[in-house]
Amino acid sequence: MALKNQIRRTFVIMGLLGFFSNLFSCSDSKSGFKPGLLTARGYYVKNGKAYWYGGFSNAELIELTSANAKSFITLDEKFPNVEFASSYASDGKHVYFNGGRIKDADGQTFEVLGYGWGKDARNVYSWYSIVSDDAQHYVDAKGGLKKDSKHVYSGDKIVSDDPESLKFLGTVGYHSYHSDSRGIMSGRTRIDSADVATFRPLDHGYSVDKSQVFLLETTKLEILKDADAKSFQVISEFYTKDAVSVFWRGEKLTDANPGTFKIISEEHHCSCDDKRVYHHNKIVPNADPAKFPAGKKYKYCNDSEIVFD
């Protein structure tokens, strides 16, 4: 009985060892490369062939049929200090990104710039597409833009055909600004109606020139036609004012007095002047700032009421 139990335990241990071997490692078979369940994502050379494996969460195995396995390397070997360089590989002739071949990329001169970005002696590539065919002159233009001798780029999009006139104006908050001979740009958004000589960036996506007020909402440009550029002030992320009006993210607060205006809650978009209470840019009916309960803490407000504890 003791011998049977010992044999049984031996078979169990052998089975577990086989299971974990398949689970954590790659194995070769006559049919080709066979990754285990938890084989790491990346490139592999097995049985004289090169492969890309998507990993456990993207378990796609791709044989790189055009690759020379004998000279195949991952490019973190050549660029150890560049993040995500292991997503690239080369056999000295072709270049691969995440298992896909970058058409026309030269394996001899290719450099990894970052995730999805690289260049060779001729071109700059975003993923598998050519962004610039002037890699020799492709440089950082500050503020998130790049340029070569012909164009200015935000990511893979051309935003200017005048790199010689490009000037970095600075970064305010999350927005960087540049000028060229056509006007102003912030990332991929152009502000060509702006007067370059008097243009001034402000906080929270606002900017002004001698006669206009601009608001950038992500990649959308809005011109605040009711705002006075000369007296315009940014109070907070959502509230601004000029000499005669108050605005909630570009929307005018009806009859608000900028001289007595104050924010009650930025989080709840609640504000008031000496006569009215506002939620966003709407007047809260029957709410009178003069009758706020003394010593009571603000609780919340909405389009129909303001409530105190």
Protein backbone atom coordinates (compact mmCIF):
# COMPACT_ATOMS: atom_id res chain seq x y z
CA MET A 1 0.00 0.00 0.00
CA ALA A 2 2.82 2.38 0.91
CA LEU A 3 4.51 1.60 -2.43
CA LYS A 4 1.28 2.36 -4.35
CA ASN A 5 0.89 5.68 -2.55
CA GLN A 6 4.50 6.60 -3.31
CA ILE A 7 4.02 5.74 -7.02
CA ARG A 8 0.78 7.76 -7.08
CA ARG A 9 2.53 10.78 -5.54
CA THR A 10 5.36 10.46 -8.06
CA PHE A 11 2.92 10.56 -10.99
CA VAL A 12 1.10 13.57 -9.49
CA ILE A 13 4.38 15.47 -9.06
CA MET A 14 5.47 14.60 -12.60
CA GLY A 15 2.10 15.77 -13.92
CA LEU A 16 2.32 19.06 -12.05
CA LEU A 17 5.87 19.64 -13.28
CA GLY A 18 4.72 19.08 -16.85
CA PHE A 19 1.77 21.42 -16.39
CA PHE A 20 3.86 24.29 -15.01
CA SER A 21 6.52 23.73 -17.66
CA ASN A 22 3.91 24.27 -20.37
CA LEU A 23 2.32 27.12 -18.46
CA PHE A 24 5.40 29.28 -18.00
CA SER A 25 7.67 28.42 -20.89
CA CYS A 26 7.86 28.04 -24.62
CA SER A 27 8.43 24.67 -26.19
CA ASP A 28 9.47 23.32 -29.57
CA SER A 29 7.71 20.54 -31.41
CA LYS A 30 7.87 19.03 -34.86
CA SER A 31 4.99 21.28 -35.89
CA GLY A 32 6.87 24.45 -34.90
CA PHE A 33 6.99 26.90 -32.01
CA LYS A 34 4.33 26.33 -29.37
CA PRO A 35 4.04 28.98 -26.64
CA GLY A 36 2.88 28.04 -23.18
CA LEU A 37 -0.20 29.56 -21.58
CA LEU A 38 1.75 32.29 -19.80
CA THR A 39 4.56 32.76 -22.31
CA ALA A 40 5.56 36.41 -22.31
CA ARG A 41 4.59 38.73 -25.12
CA GLY A 42 7.39 39.37 -27.59
CA TYR A 43 9.68 37.99 -30.28
CA TYR A 44 11.09 34.44 -30.34
CA VAL A 45 13.47 32.54 -32.57
CA LYS A 46 12.72 28.79 -32.56
CA ASN A 47 13.61 25.97 -34.98
CA GLY A 48 15.28 28.41 -37.38
CA LYS A 49 12.21 30.67 -37.58
CA ALA A 50 11.25 34.03 -36.06
CA TYR A 51 7.90 34.60 -34.36
CA TRP A 52 5.86 37.30 -32.66
CA TYR A 53 3.63 36.18 -29.80
CA GLY A 54 0.86 38.46 -28.52
CA GLY A 55 0.96 37.14 -24.97
CA PHE A 56 -1.70 35.70 -22.71
CA SER A 57 -4.21 38.51 -23.20
CA ASN A 58 -3.66 38.61 -26.98
CA ALA A 59 -2.60 35.06 -27.75
CA GLU A 60 -1.82 35.41 -31.44
CA LEU A 61 1.27 33.64 -32.75
CA ILE A 62 2.66 35.11 -35.97
CA GLU A 63 5.47 33.52 -37.94
CA LEU A 64 7.60 36.25 -39.52
CA THR A 65 8.10 34.49 -42.83
CA SER A 66 10.18 37.31 -44.37
CA ALA A 67 12.65 37.41 -41.47
CA ASN A 68 16.13 35.90 -41.46
CA ALA A 69 16.18 34.05 -38.13
CA LYS A 70 19.98 33.84 -38.06
CA SER A 71 20.42 37.62 -37.87
CA PHE A 72 17.15 38.41 -36.09
CA ILE A 73 17.35 40.57 -32.92
CA THR A 74 14.98 42.67 -30.84
CA LEU A 75 15.95 46.31 -30.98
CA ASP A 76 16.20 46.80 -27.23
CA GLU A 77 19.61 45.18 -27.77
CA LYS A 78 20.64 48.17 -29.92
CA PHE A 79 18.63 50.79 -28.00
CA PRO A 80 18.65 49.63 -24.36
CA ASN A 81 17.73 53.07 -23.01
CA VAL A 82 14.71 53.64 -25.27
CA GLU A 83 11.38 52.66 -23.74
CA PHE A 84 9.36 50.12 -25.76
CA ALA A 85 12.32 49.28 -28.01
CA SER A 86 11.53 45.60 -27.41
CA SER A 87 8.38 46.07 -29.53
CA TYR A 88 10.72 46.42 -32.51
CA ALA A 89 12.94 43.80 -34.14
CA SER A 90 15.15 43.54 -37.21
CA ASP A 91 17.10 40.97 -39.17
CA GLY A 92 19.39 43.67 -40.57
CA LYS A 93 17.23 44.08 -43.65
CA HIS A 94 13.61 44.33 -42.53
CA VAL A 95 12.10 46.03 -39.47
CA TYR A 96 9.13 44.76 -37.45
CA PHE A 97 6.82 46.45 -34.95
CA ASN A 98 4.58 44.29 -32.76
CA GLY A 99 4.96 41.47 -35.25
CA GLY A 100 4.09 43.51 -38.33
CA ARG A 101 6.66 44.41 -40.94
CA ILE A 102 7.22 48.14 -41.55
CA LYS A 103 7.25 48.34 -45.33
CA ASP A 104 10.35 50.01 -46.79
CA ALA A 105 12.02 50.52 -43.38
CA ASP A 106 15.77 49.94 -43.57
CA GLY A 107 17.03 47.52 -40.94
CA GLN A 108 20.60 48.80 -41.21
CA THR A 109 19.83 52.42 -40.25
CA PHE A 110 16.57 52.11 -38.30
CA GLU A 111 16.38 53.85 -34.90
CA VAL A 112 13.63 53.46 -32.28
CA LEU A 113 12.25 56.82 -31.14
CA GLY A 114 9.46 55.53 -28.87
CA TYR A 115 6.37 53.34 -28.90
CA GLY A 116 5.09 53.31 -32.48
CA TRP A 117 7.76 55.78 -33.61
CA GLY A 118 11.03 55.18 -35.44
CA LYS A 119 13.15 56.40 -38.29
CA ASP A 120 15.77 55.21 -40.73
CA ALA A 121 18.12 57.16 -42.98
CA ARG A 122 15.24 58.22 -45.24
CA ASN A 123 11.91 58.23 -43.44
CA VAL A 124 10.17 58.74 -40.10
CA TYR A 125 7.52 56.14 -39.27
CA SER A 126 4.42 56.17 -37.10
CA TRP A 127 3.47 52.53 -36.58
CA TYR A 128 3.64 51.19 -40.16
CA SER A 129 3.18 54.44 -42.09
CA ILE A 130 5.64 57.08 -43.28
CA VAL A 131 5.11 60.42 -41.54
CA SER A 132 8.08 62.30 -42.97
CA ASP A 133 10.32 61.46 -45.93
CA ASP A 134 12.95 63.88 -44.64
CA ALA A 135 14.39 62.01 -41.67
CA GLN A 136 17.69 63.88 -41.93
CA HIS A 137 16.02 67.16 -40.90
CA TYR A 138 13.31 65.76 -38.59
CA VAL A 139 13.80 67.41 -35.18
CA ASP A 140 11.97 68.43 -32.00
CA ALA A 141 10.27 71.81 -32.34
CA LYS A 142 9.44 72.02 -28.59
CA GLY A 143 5.95 72.08 -27.12
CA GLY A 144 5.05 68.65 -28.52
CA LEU A 145 5.63 69.45 -32.20
CA LYS A 146 8.22 68.10 -34.65
CA LYS A 147 9.44 69.54 -37.91
CA ASP A 148 11.54 68.73 -40.96
CA SER A 149 12.60 70.98 -43.83
CA LYS A 150 9.11 71.00 -45.37
CA HIS A 151 6.46 70.53 -42.67
CA VAL A 152 5.55 70.84 -39.00
CA TYR A 153 3.90 67.84 -37.32
CA SER A 154 1.67 67.19 -34.34
CA GLY A 155 1.95 63.43 -33.98
CA ASP A 156 1.37 62.03 -37.47
CA LYS A 157 -0.57 65.08 -38.73
CA ILE A 158 0.90 68.00 -40.68
CA VAL A 159 -0.13 71.27 -38.99
CA SER A 160 2.03 73.73 -40.91
CA ASP A 161 3.90 73.95 -44.21
CA ASP A 162 6.13 76.73 -42.89
CA PRO A 163 8.79 75.25 -40.59
CA GLU A 164 11.16 78.17 -41.19
CA SER A 165 8.74 80.63 -39.53
CA LEU A 166 7.79 78.33 -36.66
CA LYS A 167 8.22 79.86 -33.22
CA PHE A 168 7.47 78.26 -29.86
CA LEU A 169 5.49 80.72 -27.71
CA GLY A 170 5.35 78.68 -24.53
CA THR A 171 3.17 76.31 -22.53
CA VAL A 172 0.38 77.37 -20.18
CA GLY A 173 -1.28 74.53 -18.27
CA TYR A 174 -1.87 71.67 -20.69
CA HIS A 175 -1.68 73.78 -23.84
CA SER A 176 1.42 74.68 -25.84
CA TYR A 177 1.36 77.44 -28.44
CA HIS A 178 3.34 78.12 -31.62
CA SER A 179 3.18 80.70 -34.38
CA ASP A 180 4.04 80.57 -38.07
CA SER A 181 3.40 82.92 -41.00
CA ARG A 182 -0.31 81.95 -41.09
CA GLY A 183 -1.15 82.48 -37.43
CA ILE A 184 -1.25 80.61 -34.14
CA MET A 185 -1.54 76.89 -33.42
CA SER A 186 -1.94 74.79 -30.32
CA GLY A 187 -1.15 71.17 -31.05
CA ARG A 188 -3.41 70.17 -33.95
CA THR A 189 -5.72 73.16 -33.55
CA ARG A 190 -5.04 76.30 -35.60
CA ILE A 191 -6.08 79.78 -34.43
CA ASP A 192 -5.44 81.55 -37.70
CA SER A 193 -7.75 84.51 -37.00
CA ALA A 194 -5.54 85.53 -34.06
CA ASP A 195 -3.28 88.56 -34.29
CA VAL A 196 0.16 87.06 -33.72
CA ALA A 197 1.75 90.27 -32.46
CA THR A 198 -0.75 90.71 -29.60
CA PHE A 199 -1.65 87.06 -28.91
CA ARG A 200 -1.38 86.06 -25.25
CA PRO A 201 -2.06 82.59 -23.76
CA LEU A 202 -4.00 82.43 -20.47
CA ASP A 203 -4.84 79.63 -18.04
CA HIS A 204 -7.27 76.75 -18.67
CA GLY A 205 -7.23 76.88 -22.48
CA TYR A 206 -8.11 80.58 -22.83
CA SER A 207 -6.13 83.10 -24.86
CA VAL A 208 -6.60 86.63 -26.16
CA ASP A 209 -5.31 89.00 -28.78
CA LYS A 210 -6.05 92.72 -29.19
CA SER A 211 -9.72 92.15 -30.05
CA GLN A 212 -10.73 88.49 -29.53
CA VAL A 213 -11.03 85.90 -26.76
CA PHE A 214 -10.37 82.24 -27.62
CA LEU A 215 -11.20 79.02 -25.79
CA LEU A 216 -9.67 75.63 -26.59
CA GLU A 217 -11.82 72.67 -25.55
CA THR A 218 -9.58 69.64 -26.22
CA THR A 219 -9.21 70.09 -30.01
CA LYS A 220 -12.22 72.38 -30.53
CA LEU A 221 -11.70 76.13 -30.90
CA GLU A 222 -14.35 78.58 -29.72
CA ILE A 223 -14.31 82.36 -30.06
CA LEU A 224 -16.13 84.17 -27.24
CA LYS A 225 -17.90 86.85 -29.25
CA ASP A 226 -19.53 88.51 -26.21
CA ALA A 227 -16.26 88.86 -24.29
CA ASP A 228 -14.10 91.99 -24.17
CA ALA A 229 -10.50 91.02 -24.85
CA LYS A 230 -9.01 94.11 -23.18
CA SER A 231 -10.59 93.44 -19.76
CA PHE A 232 -10.94 89.65 -19.93
CA GLN A 233 -9.80 87.71 -16.84
CA VAL A 234 -9.63 83.99 -16.05
CA ILE A 235 -10.98 83.39 -12.54
CA SER A 236 -10.87 79.58 -12.45
CA GLU A 237 -11.17 76.57 -14.74
CA PHE A 238 -14.88 77.23 -15.37
CA TYR A 239 -15.37 80.93 -14.64
CA THR A 240 -14.11 84.04 -16.42
CA LYS A 241 -15.20 87.66 -16.58
CA ASP A 242 -14.60 90.97 -18.28
CA ALA A 243 -15.60 94.50 -17.31
CA VAL A 244 -19.32 93.92 -17.91
CA SER A 245 -20.02 90.18 -18.00
CA VAL A 246 -19.33 86.83 -16.31
CA PHE A 247 -18.94 83.53 -18.18
CA TRP A 248 -19.17 79.86 -17.30
CA ARG A 249 -16.80 78.04 -19.65
CA GLY A 250 -17.56 80.54 -22.38
CA GLU A 251 -21.31 80.75 -21.74
CA LYS A 252 -22.54 84.15 -20.52
CA LEU A 253 -24.28 84.32 -17.14
CA THR A 254 -27.41 86.42 -17.73
CA ASP A 255 -27.25 89.83 -15.99
CA ALA A 256 -24.37 88.74 -13.70
CA ASN A 257 -22.48 91.59 -12.05
CA PRO A 258 -18.72 91.00 -12.40
CA GLY A 259 -18.02 93.40 -9.56
CA THR A 260 -19.93 91.34 -6.96
CA PHE A 261 -19.57 87.91 -8.54
CA LYS A 262 -18.17 85.03 -6.48
CA ILE A 263 -17.88 81.26 -6.85
CA ILE A 264 -19.84 79.26 -4.27
CA SER A 265 -18.67 75.83 -5.46
CA GLU A 266 -16.38 75.16 -8.40
CA GLU A 267 -17.12 71.44 -8.07
CA HIS A 268 -20.89 71.92 -8.31
CA HIS A 269 -20.68 74.86 -10.76
CA CYS A 270 -22.56 77.09 -8.36
CA SER A 271 -21.99 80.85 -8.17
CA CYS A 272 -23.71 84.15 -7.40
CA ASP A 273 -23.53 87.90 -7.55
CA ASP A 274 -25.31 90.26 -5.15
CA LYS A 275 -28.75 89.50 -6.63
CA ARG A 276 -28.79 86.10 -8.30
CA VAL A 277 -27.62 82.51 -7.89
CA TYR A 278 -26.36 80.56 -10.90
CA HIS A 279 -25.96 76.84 -11.62
CA HIS A 280 -23.65 76.48 -14.60
CA ASN A 281 -24.84 79.47 -16.66
CA LYS A 282 -28.52 79.31 -15.60
CA ILE A 283 -30.24 81.45 -12.98
CA VAL A 284 -31.53 79.41 -10.04
CA PRO A 285 -35.15 80.63 -9.55
CA ASN A 286 -36.25 82.11 -6.21
CA ALA A 287 -32.68 82.00 -4.85
CA ASP A 288 -31.55 85.27 -3.23
CA PRO A 289 -27.93 85.66 -2.05
CA ALA A 290 -29.08 88.26 0.49
CA LYS A 291 -31.16 85.58 2.21
CA PHE A 292 -28.47 82.90 2.52
CA PRO A 293 -28.81 81.48 6.08
CA ALA A 294 -26.09 82.87 8.35
CA GLY A 295 -23.72 80.28 9.75
CA LYS A 296 -25.09 77.51 7.51
CA LYS A 297 -22.73 75.49 5.35
CA TYR A 298 -23.43 75.19 1.62
CA LYS A 299 -24.56 71.67 0.65
CA TYR A 300 -25.41 71.65 -3.08
CA CYS A 301 -27.26 73.47 -5.84
CA ASN A 302 -28.87 72.56 -9.17
CA ASP A 303 -31.00 74.27 -11.80
CA SER A 304 -33.93 74.64 -9.39
CA GLU A 305 -32.53 75.28 -5.89
CA ILE A 306 -29.57 75.94 -3.62
CA VAL A 307 -29.45 73.99 -0.35
CA PHE A 308 -27.58 74.61 2.92
CA ASP A 309 -27.09 72.22 5.85
